[in-house]
Structures are given as C-alpha cells and as structure tokens.
Amino acid sequence: MKIGIAADHAGFEQKQAVIAELSKQYEVVDFGAKTFDPDDDYPDIVVPLAEAIASKAVERGIAICGSGVGVSIAANKMSGVRAALITDTYSARQGVEHDDMNLLCIGGRVTGPMLIRELVDTFLRARYIGTGRFERRLQKVIALEHRR
C-alpha cells in the first residue's frame, strides 16, 4: 500500500516519527512540510496530499496539524477525499470499514505519540466493507460532491 503523509509546523515532528515507523512496511510519500516552518499554512500542505488521494496516486493519507481540524476541513473540499479527524481506534477502523475514509487527520498538539501510532495502524489495517448499506451510503456522499 502506498501511503501519503503531510503536516504543517504543528505536526511536523509527529510526521517525521510516523514516516520512520511506516517506512518499515509501506511505501510512504512525504507531501510536506519538508522543513519546519512556523509560518506555513495547513491548506498549502494538505492540498497536494488530497490531490494524490483523489487521483489514486496514493491509496491512503495521513494529515497532521495542531488540532487536526484544519487539515480535515481543507481536505474535504477536494472531490474524492473522505477525511476525518480521528481521536480513537474505533473510529479509525469504522471510518474505513463503513465510510471508506481515505484520509486520517490527527491533531499533533493534542494527540500523544503512542495513540498516533495506534490510530495510524488501525486506519491502515482496516478495509472498506463495500456492500449493502455501506455502499449505498457512500454513493450518496459521492453524489454530494457533484451538487452545485
């Protein structure tokens, strides 16, 4: 599985740790920030990752900012991206299984390193169920992207 990851200054250290861990078993693409810049802006960081998810250049993504809220809001503006701020392992699994979540958003200033590791692992191991009510609901969400 090819994983994309991005973080602004508030998630930069956590991103580096996640990359080090994930690189042991996945192909990881770092979408930035490449260096720590306290003046960077989360939309500039998450959009390239979101575009890679939408184009299927990466299968899943992880985005980290201070609270996780900003990257989640910005990423969800992109067609084909289903991003959510996740703070517990149940939601990390269920978000993929039921909703085909493809971008895990994490708050680097509010989530500890061990929980980040567990959230990422749970998210990446989960698989979309893709049948019945789950597919029906996903198609309704996808249809919302095409409404004007």
Protein backbone atom coordinates (compact mmCIF):
# COMPACT_ATOMS: atom_id res chain seq x y z
CA MET A 1 0.00 0.00 0.00
CA LYS A 2 1.28 3.46 -0.91
CA ILE A 3 0.67 5.98 1.87
CA GLY A 4 0.83 9.77 1.59
CA ILE A 5 1.55 11.95 4.58
CA ALA A 6 1.55 15.70 5.17
CA ALA A 7 1.86 18.03 8.15
CA ASP A 8 2.22 21.69 8.86
CA HIS A 9 4.55 23.08 11.53
CA ALA A 10 2.26 21.90 14.35
CA GLY A 11 2.51 18.30 13.21
CA PHE A 12 5.99 18.28 11.72
CA GLU A 13 7.70 16.28 14.48
CA GLN A 14 4.88 13.74 14.63
CA LYS A 15 5.01 13.35 10.83
CA GLN A 16 8.69 12.54 10.97
CA ALA A 17 8.06 9.84 13.59
CA VAL A 18 5.16 8.35 11.59
CA ILE A 19 7.27 8.25 8.42
CA ALA A 20 10.10 6.48 10.25
CA GLU A 21 7.68 3.82 11.52
CA LEU A 22 5.62 3.35 8.35
CA SER A 23 8.65 3.17 6.06
CA LYS A 24 9.44 -0.21 7.60
CA GLN A 25 6.44 -1.80 5.89
CA TYR A 26 4.88 0.64 3.41
CA GLU A 27 5.88 2.93 0.58
CA VAL A 28 5.48 6.40 2.07
CA VAL A 29 5.29 9.64 0.10
CA ASP A 30 6.03 12.80 2.09
CA PHE A 31 3.95 15.71 0.77
CA GLY A 32 5.49 18.19 3.20
CA ALA A 33 6.30 20.19 5.01
CA LYS A 34 9.83 19.15 4.17
CA THR A 35 11.34 21.50 6.74
CA PHE A 36 9.97 23.09 9.88
CA ASP A 37 8.46 26.49 9.11
CA PRO A 38 6.42 28.09 11.90
CA ASP A 39 4.68 30.32 9.34
CA ASP A 40 3.41 27.61 6.97
CA ASP A 41 -0.33 27.16 6.39
CA TYR A 42 -2.15 23.84 6.63
CA PRO A 43 -4.18 24.28 3.38
CA ASP A 44 -0.96 24.59 1.38
CA ILE A 45 0.36 21.40 2.97
CA VAL A 46 -2.74 19.20 2.76
CA VAL A 47 -3.94 20.04 -0.77
CA PRO A 48 -1.14 18.15 -2.60
CA LEU A 49 -1.84 15.10 -0.42
CA ALA A 50 -5.58 15.37 -1.04
CA GLU A 51 -4.99 15.64 -4.80
CA ALA A 52 -2.84 12.49 -4.67
CA ILE A 53 -5.60 10.64 -2.84
CA ALA A 54 -8.26 11.84 -5.30
CA SER A 55 -6.14 10.79 -8.29
CA LYS A 56 -5.29 7.47 -6.60
CA ALA A 57 -1.55 8.23 -6.73
CA VAL A 58 -1.65 7.09 -3.09
CA GLU A 59 -4.17 4.71 -1.60
CA ARG A 60 -4.50 6.39 1.79
CA GLY A 61 -3.26 9.51 3.51
CA ILE A 62 -2.39 10.86 6.91
CA ALA A 63 -2.51 14.60 7.65
CA ILE A 64 -1.37 16.25 10.85
CA CYS A 65 -1.87 19.83 12.03
CA GLY A 66 -2.25 21.31 15.51
CA SER A 67 -5.78 20.11 16.21
CA GLY A 68 -6.44 18.05 13.07
CA VAL A 69 -9.49 20.20 12.35
CA GLY A 70 -7.90 22.48 9.75
CA VAL A 71 -6.47 19.70 7.58
CA SER A 72 -9.78 17.84 7.79
CA ILE A 73 -11.81 20.84 6.64
CA ALA A 74 -9.42 21.73 3.82
CA ALA A 75 -9.05 18.16 2.55
CA ASN A 76 -12.80 17.57 2.47
CA LYS A 77 -13.14 20.39 -0.07
CA MET A 78 -11.45 18.08 -2.59
CA SER A 79 -13.63 15.73 -4.62
CA GLY A 80 -12.80 12.09 -3.88
CA VAL A 81 -11.37 12.74 -0.44
CA ARG A 82 -13.08 11.44 2.66
CA ALA A 83 -11.13 12.90 5.56
CA ALA A 84 -11.95 12.79 9.26
CA LEU A 85 -10.35 13.97 12.45
CA ILE A 86 -9.87 10.79 14.43
CA THR A 87 -9.10 10.53 18.14
CA ASP A 88 -9.91 6.88 18.92
CA THR A 89 -9.18 3.49 17.38
CA TYR A 90 -12.85 2.53 17.00
CA SER A 91 -13.44 5.50 14.69
CA ALA A 92 -10.18 4.86 12.82
CA ARG A 93 -11.43 1.37 11.95
CA GLN A 94 -15.11 2.15 11.49
CA GLY A 95 -14.37 5.21 9.35
CA VAL A 96 -12.69 2.97 6.80
CA GLU A 97 -14.99 -0.05 7.11
CA HIS A 98 -18.28 1.88 6.90
CA ASP A 99 -17.42 5.16 5.18
CA ASP A 100 -14.37 4.36 3.03
CA MET A 101 -12.39 7.09 4.81
CA ASN A 102 -9.17 7.61 2.87
CA LEU A 103 -7.51 10.41 4.85
CA LEU A 104 -6.79 10.16 8.56
CA CYS A 105 -6.48 13.57 10.22
CA ILE A 106 -4.67 13.89 13.53
CA GLY A 107 -4.09 16.72 15.98
CA GLY A 108 -0.37 16.89 16.58
CA ARG A 109 -0.72 19.17 19.58
CA VAL A 110 -3.47 17.16 21.26
CA THR A 111 -2.67 13.52 20.47
CA GLY A 112 0.19 11.67 22.09
CA PRO A 113 2.76 9.62 20.15
CA MET A 114 1.54 6.19 21.25
CA LEU A 115 -2.06 7.00 20.35
CA ILE A 116 -0.93 8.38 16.98
CA ARG A 117 0.84 5.07 16.33
CA GLU A 118 -2.30 3.09 17.25
CA LEU A 119 -4.59 5.31 15.16
CA VAL A 120 -2.35 5.01 12.10
CA ASP A 121 -2.01 1.25 12.47
CA THR A 122 -5.76 0.75 12.90
CA PHE A 123 -6.56 3.03 9.95
CA LEU A 124 -4.15 1.25 7.62
CA ARG A 125 -5.26 -2.26 8.59
CA ALA A 126 -8.97 -1.54 8.11
CA ARG A 127 -10.75 -2.36 4.85
CA TYR A 128 -13.95 -0.88 3.42
CA ILE A 129 -16.85 -3.36 3.64
CA GLY A 130 -18.23 -2.06 0.33
CA THR A 131 -21.58 -3.81 0.26
CA GLY A 132 -25.20 -3.17 1.16
CA ARG A 133 -25.98 -0.14 3.25
CA PHE A 134 -22.33 0.96 3.36
CA GLU A 135 -22.05 1.22 -0.41
CA ARG A 136 -25.49 2.85 -0.68
CA ARG A 137 -24.46 5.50 1.85
CA LEU A 138 -21.08 6.07 0.22
CA GLN A 139 -22.74 6.65 -3.14
CA LYS A 140 -24.97 9.28 -1.52
CA VAL A 141 -21.89 11.02 -0.12
CA ILE A 142 -20.16 10.89 -3.51
CA ALA A 143 -23.29 12.37 -5.12
CA LEU A 144 -22.99 15.35 -2.77
CA GLU A 145 -19.65 16.20 -4.36
CA HIS A 146 -21.39 16.78 -7.69
CA ARG A 147 -24.16 19.04 -6.39
CA ARG A 148 -23.83 22.73 -7.08
